[in-house]
Structures are given as C-alpha cells and as structure tokens.
C-alpha cells in the first residue's frame, strides 16, 4: 500500500475522481496525534511548528477503490461535528494559500468555515493510499474499550 503525495490542484482532482468525489462515502474512523508529549520527568515537550496530524479512513459504496486513507500533516484547523447518518454525498478538496482543504460537502467554501454544518480540515500537506481491503466494520486505528 504505497502513499501518493498530493502536491497541487491537479493531484487533488485526480484523488477526487479516483474516489468518485466521495459520493456515497463515510468517515469510518479518524485518528489525530500531535508532536506534544510529557516525558518521564514530567517536562512538557511542545514543537515550535504545527505538529498536528490526522488520519482518516473513508469507505464508499463503490469498488476500485472502496476505501482510502488520507493523512493530513501540519493541520492548521480541524472541525468535526457528527451529524445525521454520516453519509457523504460529495466532498470538496481544494488548495488555497498553501493549505489543502477537505470538506464533507461539494459546495463548501472557506466563508462557511465558521458554520457547524460542515466537517472540514485544513493542512499543510496531504497524502493518500488505497486500502480497499479495509472495507467493513473492523476498526483499523485501534480497539474500542468495552468497559
């Protein structure tokens, strides 16, 4: 499973086409991590630059591919508001002022970023890979605690 780096608008268009513009897809899982941590002597380590990253597993009701994973690196903004049934009818990928954006609505614009109606993310870079073998209910990013 090789990663494809998204470098420009053409790459964004290719990704969108490859995954059917996210039509009839859903966010199956997402995982966020940062470069911040507390070390063994309880000192805080905080990077000087954006160190937040997000992995998202998308699945869709079509084949070739039926699942992809996106990794957003250097996340500058991240907005998730779970709503309704979670079905994505179409998504928007765009590049603006050096940042890559993904939003769960094909008509989304930057001016709508303050609205709680949309899930969206902005990052300094994006890479993706096809993971159709990850289709189904099984969690790929970790075990859900049952107690």
N, C-alpha and C. Protein backbone atom coordinates (compact mmCIF):
# COMPACT_ATOMS: atom_id res chain seq x y z
N UNK A 1 0.85 -1.18 0.00
CA UNK A 1 0.00 0.00 0.00
C UNK A 1 0.89 1.24 0.00
N UNK A 2 1.13 1.76 -1.17
CA UNK A 2 2.00 2.92 -1.32
C UNK A 2 1.22 4.21 -1.15
N UNK A 3 1.90 5.20 -0.58
CA UNK A 3 1.30 6.53 -0.39
C UNK A 3 1.49 7.36 -1.63
N UNK A 4 0.50 8.18 -1.96
CA UNK A 4 0.57 9.16 -3.04
C UNK A 4 0.52 10.54 -2.41
N UNK A 5 1.56 11.33 -2.63
CA UNK A 5 1.61 12.68 -2.10
C UNK A 5 0.81 13.61 -3.00
N UNK A 6 -0.04 14.42 -2.39
CA UNK A 6 -0.81 15.42 -3.13
C UNK A 6 0.03 16.70 -3.13
N UNK A 7 0.38 17.16 -4.33
CA UNK A 7 1.27 18.32 -4.43
C UNK A 7 0.61 19.56 -5.01
N UNK A 8 -0.50 19.37 -5.75
CA UNK A 8 -1.09 20.52 -6.42
C UNK A 8 -2.58 20.27 -6.72
N UNK A 9 -3.20 21.24 -7.38
CA UNK A 9 -4.63 21.13 -7.69
C UNK A 9 -4.93 19.95 -8.60
N UNK A 10 -4.03 19.65 -9.52
CA UNK A 10 -4.23 18.52 -10.42
C UNK A 10 -4.27 17.21 -9.62
N UNK A 11 -3.37 17.07 -8.64
CA UNK A 11 -3.39 15.88 -7.79
C UNK A 11 -4.68 15.78 -6.99
N UNK A 12 -5.20 16.93 -6.53
CA UNK A 12 -6.48 16.94 -5.81
C UNK A 12 -7.61 16.45 -6.70
N UNK A 13 -7.61 16.91 -7.95
CA UNK A 13 -8.64 16.48 -8.90
C UNK A 13 -8.55 14.99 -9.17
N UNK A 14 -7.33 14.48 -9.32
CA UNK A 14 -7.13 13.05 -9.55
C UNK A 14 -7.63 12.23 -8.37
N UNK A 15 -7.33 12.67 -7.15
CA UNK A 15 -7.81 11.99 -5.96
C UNK A 15 -9.33 11.99 -5.91
N UNK A 16 -9.92 13.15 -6.16
CA UNK A 16 -11.39 13.25 -6.15
C UNK A 16 -12.02 12.30 -7.16
N UNK A 17 -11.49 12.29 -8.37
CA UNK A 17 -12.02 11.40 -9.41
C UNK A 17 -11.83 9.94 -9.02
N UNK A 18 -10.66 9.61 -8.50
CA UNK A 18 -10.37 8.22 -8.13
C UNK A 18 -11.37 7.70 -7.11
N UNK A 19 -11.77 8.55 -6.19
CA UNK A 19 -12.69 8.12 -5.13
C UNK A 19 -14.12 8.60 -5.40
N UNK A 20 -14.42 8.86 -6.65
CA UNK A 20 -15.79 9.20 -7.04
C UNK A 20 -16.34 10.45 -6.38
N UNK A 21 -15.45 11.41 -6.15
CA UNK A 21 -15.81 12.67 -5.49
C UNK A 21 -16.43 12.44 -4.11
N UNK A 22 -16.07 11.29 -3.49
CA UNK A 22 -16.53 10.90 -2.15
C UNK A 22 -18.04 10.66 -2.11
N UNK A 23 -18.66 10.47 -3.28
CA UNK A 23 -20.11 10.21 -3.33
C UNK A 23 -20.44 8.89 -2.64
N UNK A 24 -21.48 8.92 -1.82
CA UNK A 24 -21.92 7.74 -1.05
C UNK A 24 -20.78 7.13 -0.25
N UNK A 25 -20.04 8.01 0.44
CA UNK A 25 -18.95 7.55 1.30
C UNK A 25 -19.25 7.94 2.74
N UNK A 26 -18.37 7.51 3.62
CA UNK A 26 -18.49 7.88 5.03
C UNK A 26 -17.09 7.90 5.64
N UNK A 27 -16.98 8.65 6.73
CA UNK A 27 -15.77 8.58 7.55
C UNK A 27 -15.95 7.37 8.45
N UNK A 28 -15.14 6.35 8.23
CA UNK A 28 -15.21 5.15 9.06
C UNK A 28 -14.49 5.38 10.39
N UNK A 29 -13.31 5.97 10.31
CA UNK A 29 -12.52 6.24 11.51
C UNK A 29 -11.63 7.45 11.26
N UNK A 30 -11.21 8.07 12.34
CA UNK A 30 -10.15 9.07 12.24
C UNK A 30 -9.31 9.03 13.49
N UNK A 31 -8.07 9.42 13.32
CA UNK A 31 -7.09 9.38 14.40
C UNK A 31 -6.26 10.65 14.31
N UNK A 32 -6.13 11.36 15.43
CA UNK A 32 -5.36 12.59 15.47
C UNK A 32 -4.21 12.43 16.45
N UNK A 33 -3.04 12.94 16.09
CA UNK A 33 -1.91 12.94 17.01
C UNK A 33 -1.10 14.21 16.82
N UNK A 34 -0.35 14.57 17.85
CA UNK A 34 0.47 15.77 17.82
C UNK A 34 1.91 15.41 18.17
N UNK A 35 2.79 16.38 18.09
CA UNK A 35 4.18 16.19 18.50
C UNK A 35 4.40 16.54 19.96
N UNK A 36 3.34 16.97 20.63
CA UNK A 36 3.45 17.33 22.05
C UNK A 36 3.38 16.07 22.92
N UNK A 37 4.14 16.10 24.02
CA UNK A 37 4.08 14.99 24.98
C UNK A 37 4.74 15.41 26.28
N UNK A 38 4.47 14.63 27.31
CA UNK A 38 5.11 14.80 28.61
C UNK A 38 6.10 13.66 28.75
N UNK A 39 7.38 14.01 29.01
CA UNK A 39 8.39 12.95 29.12
C UNK A 39 8.42 12.36 30.53
N UNK A 40 9.32 11.42 30.75
CA UNK A 40 9.36 10.67 32.01
C UNK A 40 9.59 11.54 33.24
N UNK A 41 10.29 12.68 33.09
CA UNK A 41 10.49 13.56 34.26
C UNK A 41 9.40 14.62 34.35
N UNK A 42 8.31 14.41 33.62
CA UNK A 42 7.10 15.24 33.62
C UNK A 42 7.30 16.63 33.01
N UNK A 43 8.34 16.77 32.19
CA UNK A 43 8.54 18.01 31.43
C UNK A 43 7.73 17.92 30.14
N UNK A 44 7.18 19.05 29.74
CA UNK A 44 6.36 19.11 28.53
C UNK A 44 7.24 19.37 27.32
N UNK A 45 7.07 18.61 26.27
CA UNK A 45 7.73 18.85 25.00
C UNK A 45 6.68 19.35 24.02
N UNK A 46 6.87 20.56 23.53
CA UNK A 46 5.92 21.16 22.60
C UNK A 46 6.68 21.65 21.38
N UNK A 47 6.41 21.11 20.20
CA UNK A 47 7.10 21.55 18.99
C UNK A 47 6.81 23.02 18.68
N UNK A 48 7.73 23.65 17.98
CA UNK A 48 7.55 25.07 17.65
C UNK A 48 6.66 25.29 16.43
N UNK A 49 6.46 24.25 15.61
CA UNK A 49 5.63 24.38 14.41
C UNK A 49 4.38 23.52 14.54
N UNK A 50 3.50 23.66 13.55
CA UNK A 50 2.30 22.83 13.53
C UNK A 50 2.70 21.36 13.48
N UNK A 51 2.32 20.62 14.50
CA UNK A 51 2.70 19.21 14.55
C UNK A 51 1.48 18.29 14.65
N UNK A 52 0.30 18.84 14.41
CA UNK A 52 -0.91 18.04 14.48
C UNK A 52 -1.12 17.33 13.14
N UNK A 53 -1.42 16.06 13.23
CA UNK A 53 -1.66 15.23 12.05
C UNK A 53 -2.95 14.46 12.25
N UNK A 54 -3.62 14.14 11.14
CA UNK A 54 -4.89 13.42 11.20
C UNK A 54 -4.91 12.36 10.10
N UNK A 55 -5.26 11.13 10.49
CA UNK A 55 -5.50 10.04 9.53
C UNK A 55 -7.00 9.80 9.49
N UNK A 56 -7.54 9.69 8.28
CA UNK A 56 -8.97 9.42 8.13
C UNK A 56 -9.15 8.24 7.18
N UNK A 57 -9.94 7.28 7.61
CA UNK A 57 -10.31 6.14 6.77
C UNK A 57 -11.70 6.39 6.22
N UNK A 58 -11.80 6.47 4.90
CA UNK A 58 -13.08 6.64 4.21
C UNK A 58 -13.46 5.34 3.53
N UNK A 59 -14.73 5.01 3.58
CA UNK A 59 -15.26 3.87 2.83
C UNK A 59 -16.40 4.38 1.96
N UNK A 60 -16.63 3.69 0.83
CA UNK A 60 -17.72 4.10 -0.04
C UNK A 60 -18.41 2.88 -0.64
N UNK A 61 -19.58 3.13 -1.21
CA UNK A 61 -20.41 2.06 -1.74
C UNK A 61 -20.10 1.73 -3.19
N UNK A 62 -18.86 1.88 -3.59
CA UNK A 62 -18.41 1.56 -4.94
C UNK A 62 -17.06 0.87 -4.83
N UNK A 63 -16.67 0.19 -5.88
CA UNK A 63 -15.39 -0.51 -5.91
C UNK A 63 -14.34 0.30 -6.68
N UNK A 64 -13.13 -0.13 -6.51
CA UNK A 64 -11.96 0.39 -7.25
C UNK A 64 -11.73 1.88 -7.11
N UNK A 65 -11.44 2.41 -5.96
CA UNK A 65 -11.34 1.72 -4.67
C UNK A 65 -12.61 1.87 -3.85
N UNK A 66 -12.79 0.99 -2.90
CA UNK A 66 -13.92 1.08 -1.98
C UNK A 66 -13.51 1.70 -0.65
N UNK A 67 -12.21 1.84 -0.41
CA UNK A 67 -11.73 2.50 0.81
C UNK A 67 -10.39 3.18 0.53
N UNK A 68 -10.23 4.38 1.09
CA UNK A 68 -8.95 5.08 1.02
C UNK A 68 -8.64 5.66 2.39
N UNK A 69 -7.37 5.91 2.59
CA UNK A 69 -6.91 6.56 3.81
C UNK A 69 -6.22 7.85 3.41
N UNK A 70 -6.60 8.94 4.07
CA UNK A 70 -5.94 10.23 3.86
C UNK A 70 -5.17 10.58 5.13
N UNK A 71 -3.99 11.12 4.96
CA UNK A 71 -3.21 11.64 6.09
C UNK A 71 -3.00 13.12 5.84
N UNK A 72 -3.46 13.93 6.78
CA UNK A 72 -3.28 15.38 6.74
C UNK A 72 -2.15 15.70 7.71
N UNK A 73 -1.09 16.32 7.21
CA UNK A 73 0.06 16.65 8.05
C UNK A 73 0.17 18.17 8.18
N UNK A 74 0.56 18.62 9.38
CA UNK A 74 0.64 20.05 9.62
C UNK A 74 -0.74 20.67 9.65
N UNK A 75 -1.65 20.05 10.36
CA UNK A 75 -3.04 20.53 10.41
C UNK A 75 -3.08 21.89 11.09
N UNK A 76 -3.77 22.83 10.44
CA UNK A 76 -3.92 24.17 10.99
C UNK A 76 -5.31 24.41 11.56
N UNK A 77 -6.31 23.70 11.01
CA UNK A 77 -7.68 23.78 11.51
C UNK A 77 -8.35 22.44 11.28
N UNK A 78 -9.22 22.06 12.22
CA UNK A 78 -9.87 20.77 12.16
C UNK A 78 -11.24 20.92 12.80
N UNK A 79 -12.29 20.67 12.05
CA UNK A 79 -13.64 20.87 12.56
C UNK A 79 -14.49 19.63 12.27
N UNK A 80 -14.91 18.96 13.32
CA UNK A 80 -15.77 17.78 13.18
C UNK A 80 -17.01 17.99 14.03
N UNK A 81 -18.15 17.87 13.39
CA UNK A 81 -19.44 17.92 14.07
C UNK A 81 -20.27 16.75 13.56
N UNK A 82 -20.29 15.62 14.29
CA UNK A 82 -21.08 14.49 13.83
C UNK A 82 -22.54 14.89 13.63
N UNK A 83 -23.08 14.50 12.47
CA UNK A 83 -24.44 14.89 12.13
C UNK A 83 -25.15 13.76 11.41
N UNK A 84 -26.42 13.61 11.69
CA UNK A 84 -27.28 12.72 10.94
C UNK A 84 -26.72 11.33 10.75
N UNK A 85 -26.87 10.81 9.54
CA UNK A 85 -26.48 9.45 9.24
C UNK A 85 -25.00 9.31 8.85
N UNK A 86 -24.29 10.41 8.66
CA UNK A 86 -22.87 10.38 8.34
C UNK A 86 -22.55 10.09 6.89
N UNK A 87 -23.56 9.99 6.04
CA UNK A 87 -23.32 9.72 4.63
C UNK A 87 -22.83 11.00 3.95
N UNK A 88 -21.72 10.88 3.23
CA UNK A 88 -21.18 12.00 2.46
C UNK A 88 -21.67 11.84 1.03
N UNK A 89 -22.41 12.82 0.56
CA UNK A 89 -22.93 12.77 -0.81
C UNK A 89 -21.91 13.26 -1.82
N UNK A 90 -21.01 14.11 -1.38
CA UNK A 90 -19.93 14.64 -2.21
C UNK A 90 -19.05 15.49 -1.34
N UNK A 91 -17.76 15.49 -1.60
CA UNK A 91 -16.82 16.26 -0.79
C UNK A 91 -16.05 17.25 -1.66
N UNK A 92 -15.42 18.19 -1.01
CA UNK A 92 -14.62 19.18 -1.72
C UNK A 92 -13.17 19.07 -1.25
N UNK A 93 -12.27 19.03 -2.21
CA UNK A 93 -10.84 19.12 -1.96
C UNK A 93 -10.36 20.36 -2.68
N UNK A 94 -9.60 21.19 -1.98
CA UNK A 94 -9.11 22.41 -2.62
C UNK A 94 -7.77 22.83 -2.03
N UNK A 95 -7.06 23.64 -2.78
CA UNK A 95 -5.79 24.22 -2.36
C UNK A 95 -5.97 25.73 -2.38
N UNK A 96 -5.68 26.37 -1.23
CA UNK A 96 -5.83 27.82 -1.12
C UNK A 96 -4.74 28.37 -0.21
N UNK A 97 -3.98 29.32 -0.72
CA UNK A 97 -2.91 29.98 0.05
C UNK A 97 -1.97 28.97 0.72
N UNK A 98 -1.61 27.94 -0.01
CA UNK A 98 -0.65 26.97 0.50
C UNK A 98 -1.20 25.92 1.45
N UNK A 99 -2.50 25.94 1.67
CA UNK A 99 -3.13 24.93 2.53
C UNK A 99 -4.08 24.06 1.72
N UNK A 100 -4.11 22.79 2.07
CA UNK A 100 -5.03 21.85 1.46
C UNK A 100 -6.26 21.73 2.35
N UNK A 101 -7.42 21.73 1.73
CA UNK A 101 -8.69 21.63 2.46
C UNK A 101 -9.47 20.42 1.98
N UNK A 102 -10.13 19.76 2.91
CA UNK A 102 -11.12 18.73 2.60
C UNK A 102 -12.37 19.11 3.39
N UNK A 103 -13.55 19.04 2.77
CA UNK A 103 -14.82 19.29 3.45
C UNK A 103 -15.83 18.27 2.97
N UNK A 104 -16.78 17.94 3.83
CA UNK A 104 -17.74 16.88 3.53
C UNK A 104 -18.95 17.33 2.72
N UNK A 105 -18.80 18.43 2.01
CA UNK A 105 -19.87 18.91 1.14
C UNK A 105 -19.22 19.53 -0.10
N UNK A 106 -19.68 19.13 -1.28
CA UNK A 106 -19.04 19.59 -2.52
C UNK A 106 -19.25 21.08 -2.77
N UNK A 107 -20.21 21.70 -2.09
CA UNK A 107 -20.45 23.14 -2.29
C UNK A 107 -19.77 24.00 -1.21
N UNK A 108 -19.03 23.39 -0.30
CA UNK A 108 -18.38 24.11 0.80
C UNK A 108 -17.40 25.15 0.27
N UNK A 109 -17.38 26.31 0.93
CA UNK A 109 -16.43 27.38 0.63
C UNK A 109 -15.78 27.85 1.93
N UNK A 110 -14.63 28.47 1.84
CA UNK A 110 -13.93 28.95 3.03
C UNK A 110 -14.78 29.85 3.91
N UNK A 111 -15.67 30.62 3.29
CA UNK A 111 -16.53 31.52 4.05
C UNK A 111 -17.48 30.76 4.98
N UNK A 112 -17.65 29.47 4.75
CA UNK A 112 -18.55 28.66 5.58
C UNK A 112 -17.83 27.95 6.72
N UNK A 113 -16.56 28.24 6.89
CA UNK A 113 -15.76 27.55 7.89
C UNK A 113 -16.29 27.72 9.30
N UNK A 114 -16.94 28.83 9.61
CA UNK A 114 -17.46 29.06 10.95
C UNK A 114 -18.77 28.32 11.22
N UNK A 115 -19.36 27.76 10.19
CA UNK A 115 -20.63 27.06 10.35
C UNK A 115 -20.42 25.68 10.97
N UNK A 116 -21.32 25.29 11.86
CA UNK A 116 -21.26 23.96 12.45
C UNK A 116 -21.92 22.91 11.56
N UNK A 117 -22.26 23.30 10.36
CA UNK A 117 -22.96 22.41 9.44
C UNK A 117 -22.00 21.46 8.71
N UNK A 118 -20.71 21.76 8.69
CA UNK A 118 -19.76 21.02 7.87
C UNK A 118 -18.62 20.43 8.70
N UNK A 119 -18.13 19.30 8.23
CA UNK A 119 -16.88 18.73 8.73
C UNK A 119 -15.81 19.12 7.73
N UNK A 120 -14.69 19.66 8.22
CA UNK A 120 -13.64 20.07 7.31
C UNK A 120 -12.30 20.11 8.02
N UNK A 121 -11.25 20.13 7.22
CA UNK A 121 -9.89 20.12 7.74
C UNK A 121 -9.00 20.92 6.81
N UNK A 122 -8.02 21.61 7.38
CA UNK A 122 -7.01 22.35 6.62
C UNK A 122 -5.64 21.88 7.08
N UNK A 123 -4.75 21.62 6.12
CA UNK A 123 -3.42 21.11 6.47
C UNK A 123 -2.39 21.56 5.45
N UNK A 124 -1.13 21.51 5.88
CA UNK A 124 -0.03 21.90 5.01
C UNK A 124 0.25 20.87 3.93
N UNK A 125 -0.09 19.60 4.20
CA UNK A 125 0.12 18.57 3.18
C UNK A 125 -0.88 17.43 3.36
N UNK A 126 -1.07 16.70 2.26
CA UNK A 126 -1.97 15.54 2.24
C UNK A 126 -1.27 14.41 1.48
N UNK A 127 -1.44 13.21 1.98
CA UNK A 127 -1.07 12.03 1.21
C UNK A 127 -2.20 11.02 1.37
N UNK A 128 -2.29 10.09 0.42
CA UNK A 128 -3.38 9.12 0.46
C UNK A 128 -2.93 7.78 -0.10
N UNK A 129 -3.72 6.77 0.25
CA UNK A 129 -3.48 5.45 -0.31
C UNK A 129 -4.79 4.67 -0.38
N UNK A 130 -4.83 3.75 -1.30
CA UNK A 130 -5.97 2.87 -1.48
C UNK A 130 -5.87 1.75 -0.45
N UNK A 131 -6.95 1.51 0.28
CA UNK A 131 -6.97 0.45 1.30
C UNK A 131 -8.30 -0.32 1.23
N UNK A 132 -8.67 -0.73 0.03
CA UNK A 132 -9.96 -1.41 -0.15
C UNK A 132 -10.08 -2.67 0.69
N UNK A 133 -8.97 -3.27 1.07
CA UNK A 133 -9.03 -4.45 1.94
C UNK A 133 -9.52 -4.08 3.35
N UNK A 134 -9.61 -2.79 3.65
CA UNK A 134 -10.08 -2.33 4.95
C UNK A 134 -11.58 -2.05 4.96
N UNK A 135 -12.31 -2.48 3.96
CA UNK A 135 -13.75 -2.28 3.94
C UNK A 135 -14.38 -3.12 5.06
N UNK A 136 -15.48 -2.63 5.60
CA UNK A 136 -16.17 -3.40 6.63
C UNK A 136 -16.16 -2.72 7.99
N UNK A 137 -16.65 -3.44 8.96
CA UNK A 137 -16.88 -2.91 10.30
C UNK A 137 -15.63 -2.85 11.17
N UNK A 138 -14.64 -3.66 10.90
CA UNK A 138 -13.45 -3.76 11.75
C UNK A 138 -12.75 -2.41 11.89
N UNK A 139 -12.35 -2.08 13.12
CA UNK A 139 -11.58 -0.86 13.35
C UNK A 139 -10.12 -1.10 13.00
N UNK A 140 -9.52 -0.14 12.34
CA UNK A 140 -8.14 -0.24 11.89
C UNK A 140 -7.18 0.60 12.72
N UNK A 141 -7.69 1.61 13.43
CA UNK A 141 -6.84 2.52 14.18
C UNK A 141 -6.77 2.20 15.66
N UNK A 142 -7.44 1.18 16.08
CA UNK A 142 -7.37 0.84 17.50
C UNK A 142 -8.60 0.09 17.95
N UNK A 143 -8.49 -0.47 19.13
CA UNK A 143 -9.55 -1.25 19.73
C UNK A 143 -10.45 -0.32 20.54
N UNK A 144 -11.74 -0.51 20.42
CA UNK A 144 -12.68 0.27 21.22
C UNK A 144 -12.81 -0.39 22.59
N UNK A 145 -12.61 0.39 23.66
CA UNK A 145 -12.76 -0.13 25.02
C UNK A 145 -14.22 -0.47 25.28
N UNK A 146 -14.45 -1.59 25.94
CA UNK A 146 -15.81 -2.04 26.17
C UNK A 146 -16.25 -1.88 27.62
N UNK A 147 -15.41 -1.36 28.49
CA UNK A 147 -15.82 -1.18 29.89
C UNK A 147 -15.99 0.24 30.27
